[in-house]
Amino acid sequence: MNTKIVNLEEVDSTNRFLHDYTPAAGEEMTIVTARFQTAGRGQGSNRWESKAGANLLFSLLVHPVRVPLALRFLLSEAGALALKEALDSYTDGIRVKWPNDIYWQDRKISGTLIETRVCGGSLQDFIFGCGVNVNQTEFVSDAPNPVSLRQIIGRQVPTEEVLGRIMEAFGKYYGMVVDGQYAGIAARYDEVLYRRHGFFPYRDQDGAFEGAIVEVEDDGRLVLRDRPGSLRRYAFKEVEYILPP
């Protein structure tokens, strides 16, 4: 895949940079990294905390025009699987927390912001923006459960090394999506979900309950079964994981 990498010292947001970026002819993938983001974003109004130069901050842009619009969540699954596979090479205990956060045990090591562009009913651009806590050892925001790779394994890791492993894995999973291997991506994603087996506490607009994951549907909705046996379907932000203190 013809890939261009743009390395920046500082930017407001790597996702925003790619919104304004025009790829050259034949450029199939664009990756932009930054040592620091002045307005790094998470989902919604969330901010992503990162000490300058300590962590991996990047966004990638691809143009998956052959991927059906109704199945675009597969691209999110491919990105999450790539992050997990890269971090698996350093430590055990890495899982994917629906829809695309990466957890080590009950703590968050990576967050993702995904944005898509649709034209004429077809998917044109897919932007996968990610922050991976690599070498930061102190977190001062009100995020409840951050952890870094250095805290887990006890040593510094070059951020460019982590990026290289992520991109190698992403190329594999993205290729599977483009080739139509939808079932393989979905099955692998299902296998590695955080809290995949058993009942755990959640909260929705009606209050707290215990639920077990049944599946993640093609459109990305999470299906839980509560204790009485009823199925509950949620889009992102409609249900909250209640995490251990």
C-alpha atoms as a PDB file:
ATOM      1  CA  MET A   1       0.000   0.000   0.000  1.00  0.00           C
ATOM      2  CA  ASN A   2       1.347   3.409  -1.015  1.00  0.00           C
ATOM      3  CA  THR A   3       1.671   5.219   2.335  1.00  0.00           C
ATOM      4  CA  LYS A   4       2.846   8.697   3.265  1.00  0.00           C
ATOM      5  CA  ILE A   5       3.897   9.540   6.831  1.00  0.00           C
ATOM      6  CA  VAL A   6       3.819  13.133   8.093  1.00  0.00           C
ATOM      7  CA  ASN A   7       5.633  13.762  11.392  1.00  0.00           C
ATOM      8  CA  LEU A   8       4.712  16.967  13.223  1.00  0.00           C
ATOM      9  CA  GLU A   9       6.176  18.510  16.347  1.00  0.00           C
ATOM     10  CA  GLU A  10       2.868  20.090  17.387  1.00  0.00           C
ATOM     11  CA  VAL A  11      -0.636  20.340  15.955  1.00  0.00           C
ATOM     12  CA  ASP A  12      -4.084  21.115  17.298  1.00  0.00           C
ATOM     13  CA  SER A  13      -5.393  17.680  16.322  1.00  0.00           C
ATOM     14  CA  THR A  14      -4.031  15.020  13.989  1.00  0.00           C
ATOM     15  CA  ASN A  15      -7.598  14.208  12.930  1.00  0.00           C
ATOM     16  CA  ARG A  16      -8.257  17.841  12.109  1.00  0.00           C
ATOM     17  CA  PHE A  17      -5.009  17.986  10.117  1.00  0.00           C
ATOM     18  CA  LEU A  18      -6.246  15.158   7.922  1.00  0.00           C
ATOM     19  CA  HIS A  19      -9.612  16.854   7.428  1.00  0.00           C
ATOM     20  CA  ASP A  20      -7.759  19.637   5.634  1.00  0.00           C
ATOM     21  CA  TYR A  21      -5.256  17.394   3.874  1.00  0.00           C
ATOM     22  CA  THR A  22      -5.350  16.557   0.176  1.00  0.00           C
ATOM     23  CA  PRO A  23      -3.544  13.317  -0.673  1.00  0.00           C
ATOM     24  CA  ALA A  24      -1.312  13.137  -3.704  1.00  0.00           C
ATOM     25  CA  ALA A  25      -2.353  10.995  -6.647  1.00  0.00           C
ATOM     26  CA  GLY A  26      -1.890   7.323  -5.801  1.00  0.00           C
ATOM     27  CA  GLU A  27      -1.518   7.940  -2.061  1.00  0.00           C
ATOM     28  CA  GLU A  28      -3.574   5.118  -0.552  1.00  0.00           C
ATOM     29  CA  MET A  29      -2.878   5.768   3.128  1.00  0.00           C
ATOM     30  CA  THR A  30      -1.737   8.869   4.999  1.00  0.00           C
ATOM     31  CA  ILE A  31      -0.418   8.776   8.558  1.00  0.00           C
ATOM     32  CA  VAL A  32       0.209  11.895  10.592  1.00  0.00           C
ATOM     33  CA  THR A  33       1.937  11.815  13.980  1.00  0.00           C
ATOM     34  CA  ALA A  34       2.525  14.570  16.542  1.00  0.00           C
ATOM     35  CA  ARG A  35       4.656  14.874  19.640  1.00  0.00           C
ATOM     36  CA  PHE A  36       1.981  17.108  21.146  1.00  0.00           C
ATOM     37  CA  GLN A  37      -1.615  18.042  20.400  1.00  0.00           C
ATOM     38  CA  THR A  38      -2.958  21.340  21.681  1.00  0.00           C
ATOM     39  CA  ALA A  39      -6.567  20.231  21.214  1.00  0.00           C
ATOM     40  CA  GLY A  40      -6.404  16.450  21.177  1.00  0.00           C
ATOM     41  CA  ARG A  41      -9.899  15.018  21.208  1.00  0.00           C
ATOM     42  CA  GLY A  42     -11.632  11.923  22.395  1.00  0.00           C
ATOM     43  CA  GLN A  43     -15.223  10.977  21.652  1.00  0.00           C
ATOM     44  CA  GLY A  44     -17.784  13.750  22.082  1.00  0.00           C
ATOM     45  CA  SER A  45     -16.434  16.549  24.266  1.00  0.00           C
ATOM     46  CA  ASN A  46     -13.734  14.402  25.851  1.00  0.00           C
ATOM     47  CA  ARG A  47     -10.087  15.497  25.788  1.00  0.00           C
ATOM     48  CA  TRP A  48      -7.095  13.183  25.507  1.00  0.00           C
ATOM     49  CA  GLU A  49      -4.339  13.848  28.037  1.00  0.00           C
ATOM     50  CA  SER A  50      -0.780  13.332  26.819  1.00  0.00           C
ATOM     51  CA  LYS A  51       2.536  14.741  27.986  1.00  0.00           C
ATOM     52  CA  ALA A  52       4.555  16.134  25.072  1.00  0.00           C
ATOM     53  CA  GLY A  53       6.723  13.467  23.474  1.00  0.00           C
ATOM     54  CA  ALA A  54       5.718  10.745  25.925  1.00  0.00           C
ATOM     55  CA  ASN A  55       3.015   8.951  23.994  1.00  0.00           C
ATOM     56  CA  LEU A  56       1.968   7.929  20.520  1.00  0.00           C
ATOM     57  CA  LEU A  57      -0.471  10.368  18.922  1.00  0.00           C
ATOM     58  CA  PHE A  58      -1.438   9.634  15.338  1.00  0.00           C
ATOM     59  CA  SER A  59      -4.214   9.564  12.792  1.00  0.00           C
ATOM     60  CA  LEU A  60      -4.454   7.609   9.576  1.00  0.00           C
ATOM     61  CA  LEU A  61      -6.525   8.264   6.503  1.00  0.00           C
ATOM     62  CA  VAL A  62      -7.626   5.630   3.998  1.00  0.00           C
ATOM     63  CA  HIS A  63     -10.205   5.635   1.212  1.00  0.00           C
ATOM     64  CA  PRO A  64     -12.241   2.414   1.537  1.00  0.00           C
ATOM     65  CA  VAL A  65     -14.591   3.051  -1.378  1.00  0.00           C
ATOM     66  CA  ARG A  66     -15.272  -0.669  -1.829  1.00  0.00           C
ATOM     67  CA  VAL A  67     -16.494  -1.141   1.753  1.00  0.00           C
ATOM     68  CA  PRO A  68     -20.322  -1.031   1.982  1.00  0.00           C
ATOM     69  CA  LEU A  69     -21.532   1.959   3.958  1.00  0.00           C
ATOM     70  CA  ALA A  70     -23.693  -0.268   6.166  1.00  0.00           C
ATOM     71  CA  LEU A  71     -20.586  -2.246   7.186  1.00  0.00           C
ATOM     72  CA  ARG A  72     -18.270   0.653   7.990  1.00  0.00           C
ATOM     73  CA  PHE A  73     -17.998  -0.493  11.627  1.00  0.00           C
ATOM     74  CA  LEU A  74     -15.734  -3.248  10.282  1.00  0.00           C
ATOM     75  CA  LEU A  75     -13.089  -0.577   9.752  1.00  0.00           C
ATOM     76  CA  SER A  76     -13.342   0.383  13.410  1.00  0.00           C
ATOM     77  CA  GLU A  77     -12.958  -3.287  14.309  1.00  0.00           C
ATOM     78  CA  ALA A  78      -9.888  -3.569  12.068  1.00  0.00           C
ATOM     79  CA  GLY A  79      -8.263  -0.584  13.784  1.00  0.00           C
ATOM     80  CA  ALA A  80      -9.014  -1.916  17.251  1.00  0.00           C
ATOM     81  CA  LEU A  81      -7.624  -5.321  16.349  1.00  0.00           C
ATOM     82  CA  ALA A  82      -4.440  -3.724  15.016  1.00  0.00           C
ATOM     83  CA  LEU A  83      -3.918  -1.809  18.259  1.00  0.00           C
ATOM     84  CA  LYS A  84      -4.489  -4.939  20.323  1.00  0.00           C
ATOM     85  CA  GLU A  85      -2.143  -7.045  18.217  1.00  0.00           C
ATOM     86  CA  ALA A  86       0.640  -4.459  18.474  1.00  0.00           C
ATOM     87  CA  LEU A  87       0.278  -4.145  22.250  1.00  0.00           C
ATOM     88  CA  ASP A  88       0.027  -7.926  22.628  1.00  0.00           C
ATOM     89  CA  SER A  89       3.662  -8.045  21.519  1.00  0.00           C
ATOM     90  CA  TYR A  90       4.626  -6.265  24.756  1.00  0.00           C
ATOM     91  CA  THR A  91       2.277  -7.658  27.402  1.00  0.00           C
ATOM     92  CA  ASP A  92      -0.606  -9.973  28.188  1.00  0.00           C
ATOM     93  CA  GLY A  93      -4.042  -8.796  29.292  1.00  0.00           C
ATOM     94  CA  ILE A  94      -4.890  -6.492  26.362  1.00  0.00           C
ATOM     95  CA  ARG A  95      -8.574  -6.415  25.370  1.00  0.00           C
ATOM     96  CA  VAL A  96     -10.854  -4.316  23.164  1.00  0.00           C
ATOM     97  CA  LYS A  97     -13.506  -2.388  25.090  1.00  0.00           C
ATOM     98  CA  TRP A  98     -16.469  -1.761  22.809  1.00  0.00           C
ATOM     99  CA  PRO A  99     -16.427   0.049  20.527  1.00  0.00           C
ATOM    100  CA  ASN A 100     -12.681   0.711  20.134  1.00  0.00           C
ATOM    101  CA  ASP A 101     -10.913   1.577  23.392  1.00  0.00           C
ATOM    102  CA  ILE A 102      -8.005  -0.657  24.328  1.00  0.00           C
ATOM    103  CA  TYR A 103      -7.776  -1.889  27.895  1.00  0.00           C
ATOM    104  CA  TRP A 104      -5.142  -3.631  29.955  1.00  0.00           C
ATOM    105  CA  GLN A 105      -7.065  -5.434  32.656  1.00  0.00           C
ATOM    106  CA  ASP A 106      -9.516  -2.729  33.862  1.00  0.00           C
ATOM    107  CA  ARG A 107      -7.416   0.251  32.781  1.00  0.00           C
ATOM    108  CA  LYS A 108      -7.409   2.254  29.551  1.00  0.00           C
ATOM    109  CA  ILE A 109      -4.198   2.318  27.533  1.00  0.00           C
ATOM    110  CA  SER A 110      -5.575   3.632  24.245  1.00  0.00           C
ATOM    111  CA  GLY A 111      -8.492   5.682  22.953  1.00  0.00           C
ATOM    112  CA  THR A 112      -9.700   6.253  19.422  1.00  0.00           C
ATOM    113  CA  LEU A 113     -11.680   8.891  17.557  1.00  0.00           C
ATOM    114  CA  ILE A 114     -13.104   7.730  14.234  1.00  0.00           C
ATOM    115  CA  GLU A 115     -14.522  10.014  11.571  1.00  0.00           C
ATOM    116  CA  THR A 116     -15.859   9.133   8.133  1.00  0.00           C
ATOM    117  CA  ARG A 117     -16.792  11.031   4.999  1.00  0.00           C
ATOM    118  CA  VAL A 118     -19.651   9.872   2.825  1.00  0.00           C
ATOM    119  CA  CYS A 119     -20.304  11.067  -0.719  1.00  0.00           C
ATOM    120  CA  GLY A 120     -23.217  10.008  -2.871  1.00  0.00           C
ATOM    121  CA  GLY A 121     -24.149   7.242  -0.452  1.00  0.00           C
ATOM    122  CA  SER A 122     -20.654   5.733  -0.561  1.00  0.00           C
ATOM    123  CA  LEU A 123     -17.895   5.704   2.019  1.00  0.00           C
ATOM    124  CA  GLN A 124     -15.054   7.889   0.738  1.00  0.00           C
ATOM    125  CA  ASP A 125     -12.688   8.564   3.647  1.00  0.00           C
ATOM    126  CA  PHE A 126     -12.002   6.873   6.966  1.00  0.00           C
ATOM    127  CA  ILE A 127      -9.961   8.726   9.592  1.00  0.00           C
ATOM    128  CA  PHE A 128      -8.707   6.681  12.528  1.00  0.00           C
ATOM    129  CA  GLY A 129      -7.273   8.933  15.229  1.00  0.00           C
ATOM    130  CA  CYS A 130      -5.572   7.307  18.172  1.00  0.00           C
ATOM    131  CA  GLY A 131      -3.726   8.069  21.382  1.00  0.00           C
ATOM    132  CA  VAL A 132      -1.681   5.289  22.949  1.00  0.00           C
ATOM    133  CA  ASN A 133      -0.222   5.788  26.413  1.00  0.00           C
ATOM    134  CA  VAL A 134       3.332   4.600  25.892  1.00  0.00           C
ATOM    135  CA  ASN A 135       5.795   6.276  28.279  1.00  0.00           C
ATOM    136  CA  GLN A 136       3.744   8.625  30.478  1.00  0.00           C
ATOM    137  CA  THR A 137       3.938   7.702  34.173  1.00  0.00           C
ATOM    138  CA  GLU A 138       1.734  10.372  35.788  1.00  0.00           C
ATOM    139  CA  PHE A 139      -1.754  11.407  34.704  1.00  0.00           C
ATOM    140  CA  VAL A 140      -3.321  14.558  36.087  1.00  0.00           C
ATOM    141  CA  SER A 141      -6.686  14.724  34.314  1.00  0.00           C
ATOM    142  CA  ASP A 142      -9.906  13.371  35.784  1.00  0.00           C
ATOM    143  CA  ALA A 143      -9.790  10.289  33.549  1.00  0.00           C
ATOM    144  CA  PRO A 144     -10.669   7.462  35.929  1.00  0.00           C
ATOM    145  CA  ASN A 145      -8.367   4.648  34.890  1.00  0.00           C
ATOM    146  CA  PRO A 146      -5.426   5.502  32.579  1.00  0.00           C
ATOM    147  CA  VAL A 147      -2.368   3.294  32.307  1.00  0.00           C
ATOM    148  CA  SER A 148       0.697   3.366  30.058  1.00  0.00           C
ATOM    149  CA  LEU A 149       2.787   0.651  28.485  1.00  0.00           C
ATOM    150  CA  ARG A 150       5.754   1.796  30.567  1.00  0.00           C
ATOM    151  CA  GLN A 151       3.750   1.391  33.767  1.00  0.00           C
ATOM    152  CA  ILE A 152       2.808  -2.126  32.720  1.00  0.00           C
ATOM    153  CA  ILE A 153       6.191  -3.460  31.571  1.00  0.00           C
ATOM    154  CA  GLY A 154       8.517  -1.216  33.583  1.00  0.00           C
ATOM    155  CA  ARG A 155      10.575   0.261  30.749  1.00  0.00           C
ATOM    156  CA  GLN A 156      10.435   2.938  28.077  1.00  0.00           C
ATOM    157  CA  VAL A 157       9.430   1.973  24.559  1.00  0.00           C
ATOM    158  CA  PRO A 158      10.132   4.037  21.425  1.00  0.00           C
ATOM    159  CA  THR A 159       6.839   5.409  20.148  1.00  0.00           C
ATOM    160  CA  GLU A 160       7.923   4.903  16.548  1.00  0.00           C
ATOM    161  CA  GLU A 161       8.400   1.197  17.302  1.00  0.00           C
ATOM    162  CA  VAL A 162       4.839   0.938  18.593  1.00  0.00           C
ATOM    163  CA  LEU A 163       3.525   2.795  15.535  1.00  0.00           C
ATOM    164  CA  GLY A 164       5.392   0.447  13.210  1.00  0.00           C
ATOM    165  CA  ARG A 165       3.778  -2.578  14.830  1.00  0.00           C
ATOM    166  CA  ILE A 166       0.329  -0.984  14.705  1.00  0.00           C
ATOM    167  CA  MET A 167       0.667  -0.143  11.020  1.00  0.00           C
ATOM    168  CA  GLU A 168       1.862  -3.626  10.143  1.00  0.00           C
ATOM    169  CA  ALA A 169      -1.164  -5.112  11.886  1.00  0.00           C
ATOM    170  CA  PHE A 170      -3.556  -2.535  10.439  1.00  0.00           C
ATOM    171  CA  GLY A 171      -2.389  -3.327   6.929  1.00  0.00           C
ATOM    172  CA  LYS A 172      -3.321  -6.961   7.512  1.00  0.00           C
ATOM    173  CA  TYR A 173      -6.766  -6.322   8.975  1.00  0.00           C
ATOM    174  CA  TYR A 174      -7.611  -3.501   6.571  1.00  0.00           C
ATOM    175  CA  GLY A 175      -6.700  -5.806   3.710  1.00  0.00           C
ATOM    176  CA  MET A 176      -9.136  -8.380   5.081  1.00  0.00           C
ATOM    177  CA  VAL A 177     -11.942  -5.800   5.109  1.00  0.00           C
ATOM    178  CA  VAL A 178     -11.199  -4.587   1.572  1.00  0.00           C
ATOM    179  CA  ASP A 179     -11.067  -8.217   0.360  1.00  0.00           C
ATOM    180  CA  GLY A 180     -14.512  -8.872   1.812  1.00  0.00           C
ATOM    181  CA  GLN A 181     -13.407 -11.127   4.678  1.00  0.00           C
ATOM    182  CA  TYR A 182     -16.076  -9.600   6.887  1.00  0.00           C
ATOM    183  CA  ALA A 183     -16.855 -12.666   8.980  1.00  0.00           C
ATOM    184  CA  GLY A 184     -13.205 -13.161   9.890  1.00  0.00           C
ATOM    185  CA  ILE A 185     -12.841  -9.599  11.178  1.00  0.00           C
ATOM    186  CA  ALA A 186     -16.098  -9.716  13.133  1.00  0.00           C
ATOM    187  CA  ALA A 187     -15.294 -13.080  14.700  1.00  0.00           C
ATOM    188  CA  ARG A 188     -11.830 -12.002  15.792  1.00  0.00           C
ATOM    189  CA  TYR A 189     -13.217  -8.776  17.260  1.00  0.00           C
ATOM    190  CA  ASP A 190     -15.834 -10.734  19.175  1.00  0.00           C
ATOM    191  CA  GLU A 191     -13.163 -13.039  20.649  1.00  0.00           C
ATOM    192  CA  VAL A 192     -11.082 -10.249  22.165  1.00  0.00           C
ATOM    193  CA  LEU A 193     -13.784  -8.052  23.698  1.00  0.00           C
ATOM    194  CA  TYR A 194     -13.326  -6.765  27.227  1.00  0.00           C
ATOM    195  CA  ARG A 195     -15.894  -8.467  29.496  1.00  0.00           C
ATOM    196  CA  ARG A 196     -16.735 -10.935  26.763  1.00  0.00           C
ATOM    197  CA  HIS A 197     -17.832 -13.688  29.137  1.00  0.00           C
ATOM    198  CA  GLY A 198     -20.001 -13.338  32.224  1.00  0.00           C
ATOM    199  CA  PHE A 199     -22.245 -10.705  33.789  1.00  0.00           C
ATOM    200  CA  PHE A 200     -20.860  -7.270  34.657  1.00  0.00           C
ATOM    201  CA  PRO A 201     -22.307  -3.949  35.845  1.00  0.00           C
ATOM    202  CA  TYR A 202     -23.511  -1.385  33.305  1.00  0.00           C
ATOM    203  CA  ARG A 203     -25.618   1.758  33.398  1.00  0.00           C
ATOM    204  CA  ASP A 204     -28.077   3.141  30.854  1.00  0.00           C
ATOM    205  CA  GLN A 205     -30.689   5.894  30.965  1.00  0.00           C
ATOM    206  CA  ASP A 206     -32.851   3.745  33.232  1.00  0.00           C
ATOM    207  CA  GLY A 207     -30.124   3.031  35.790  1.00  0.00           C
ATOM    208  CA  ALA A 208     -27.623   0.337  36.713  1.00  0.00           C
ATOM    209  CA  PHE A 209     -28.018  -3.318  35.780  1.00  0.00           C
ATOM    210  CA  GLU A 210     -25.938  -6.439  35.206  1.00  0.00           C
ATOM    211  CA  GLY A 211     -25.520  -7.660  31.672  1.00  0.00           C
ATOM    212  CA  ALA A 212     -23.590 -10.147  29.568  1.00  0.00           C
ATOM    213  CA  ILE A 213     -22.360  -9.454  26.049  1.00  0.00           C
ATOM    214  CA  VAL A 214     -24.288 -11.358  23.401  1.00  0.00           C
ATOM    215  CA  GLU A 215     -22.760  -9.830  20.274  1.00  0.00           C
ATOM    216  CA  VAL A 216     -21.797  -6.674  18.449  1.00  0.00           C
ATOM    217  CA  GLU A 217     -24.048  -6.233  15.429  1.00  0.00           C
ATOM    218  CA  ASP A 218     -22.824  -5.304  11.953  1.00  0.00           C
ATOM    219  CA  ASP A 219     -23.728  -1.653  12.494  1.00  0.00           C
ATOM    220  CA  GLY A 220     -21.697  -1.550  15.724  1.00  0.00           C
ATOM    221  CA  ARG A 221     -24.552  -1.805  18.218  1.00  0.00           C
ATOM    222  CA  LEU A 222     -23.732  -3.677  21.422  1.00  0.00           C
ATOM    223  CA  VAL A 223     -26.231  -6.355  22.444  1.00  0.00           C
ATOM    224  CA  LEU A 224     -26.399  -7.240  26.149  1.00  0.00           C
ATOM    225  CA  ARG A 225     -28.551  -9.790  27.965  1.00  0.00           C
ATOM    226  CA  ASP A 226     -29.647  -8.686  31.414  1.00  0.00           C
ATOM    227  CA  ARG A 227     -30.180 -11.003  34.380  1.00  0.00           C
ATOM    228  CA  PRO A 228     -33.907 -11.533  33.701  1.00  0.00           C
ATOM    229  CA  GLY A 229     -33.009 -12.572  30.158  1.00  0.00           C
ATOM    230  CA  SER A 230     -34.056  -9.532  28.142  1.00  0.00           C
ATOM    231  CA  LEU A 231     -31.891  -8.335  25.255  1.00  0.00           C
ATOM    232  CA  ARG A 232     -30.780  -4.698  25.272  1.00  0.00           C
ATOM    233  CA  ARG A 233     -29.273  -3.021  22.184  1.00  0.00           C
ATOM    234  CA  TYR A 234     -27.132   0.088  22.450  1.00  0.00           C
ATOM    235  CA  ALA A 235     -25.500   2.533  20.111  1.00  0.00           C
ATOM    236  CA  PHE A 236     -22.304   4.201  21.321  1.00  0.00           C
ATOM    237  CA  LYS A 237     -22.776   6.469  24.354  1.00  0.00           C
ATOM    238  CA  GLU A 238     -26.134   4.858  25.187  1.00  0.00           C
ATOM    239  CA  VAL A 239     -24.650   2.531  27.810  1.00  0.00           C
ATOM    240  CA  GLU A 240     -21.837   2.995  30.317  1.00  0.00           C
ATOM    241  CA  TYR A 241     -19.466   0.380  31.698  1.00  0.00           C
ATOM    242  CA  ILE A 242     -19.326   0.566  35.493  1.00  0.00           C
ATOM    243  CA  LEU A 243     -15.646   0.024  36.245  1.00  0.00           C
ATOM    244  CA  PRO A 244     -13.986  -1.218  39.435  1.00  0.00           C
ATOM    245  CA  PRO A 245     -12.780   1.599  41.757  1.00  0.00           C
END
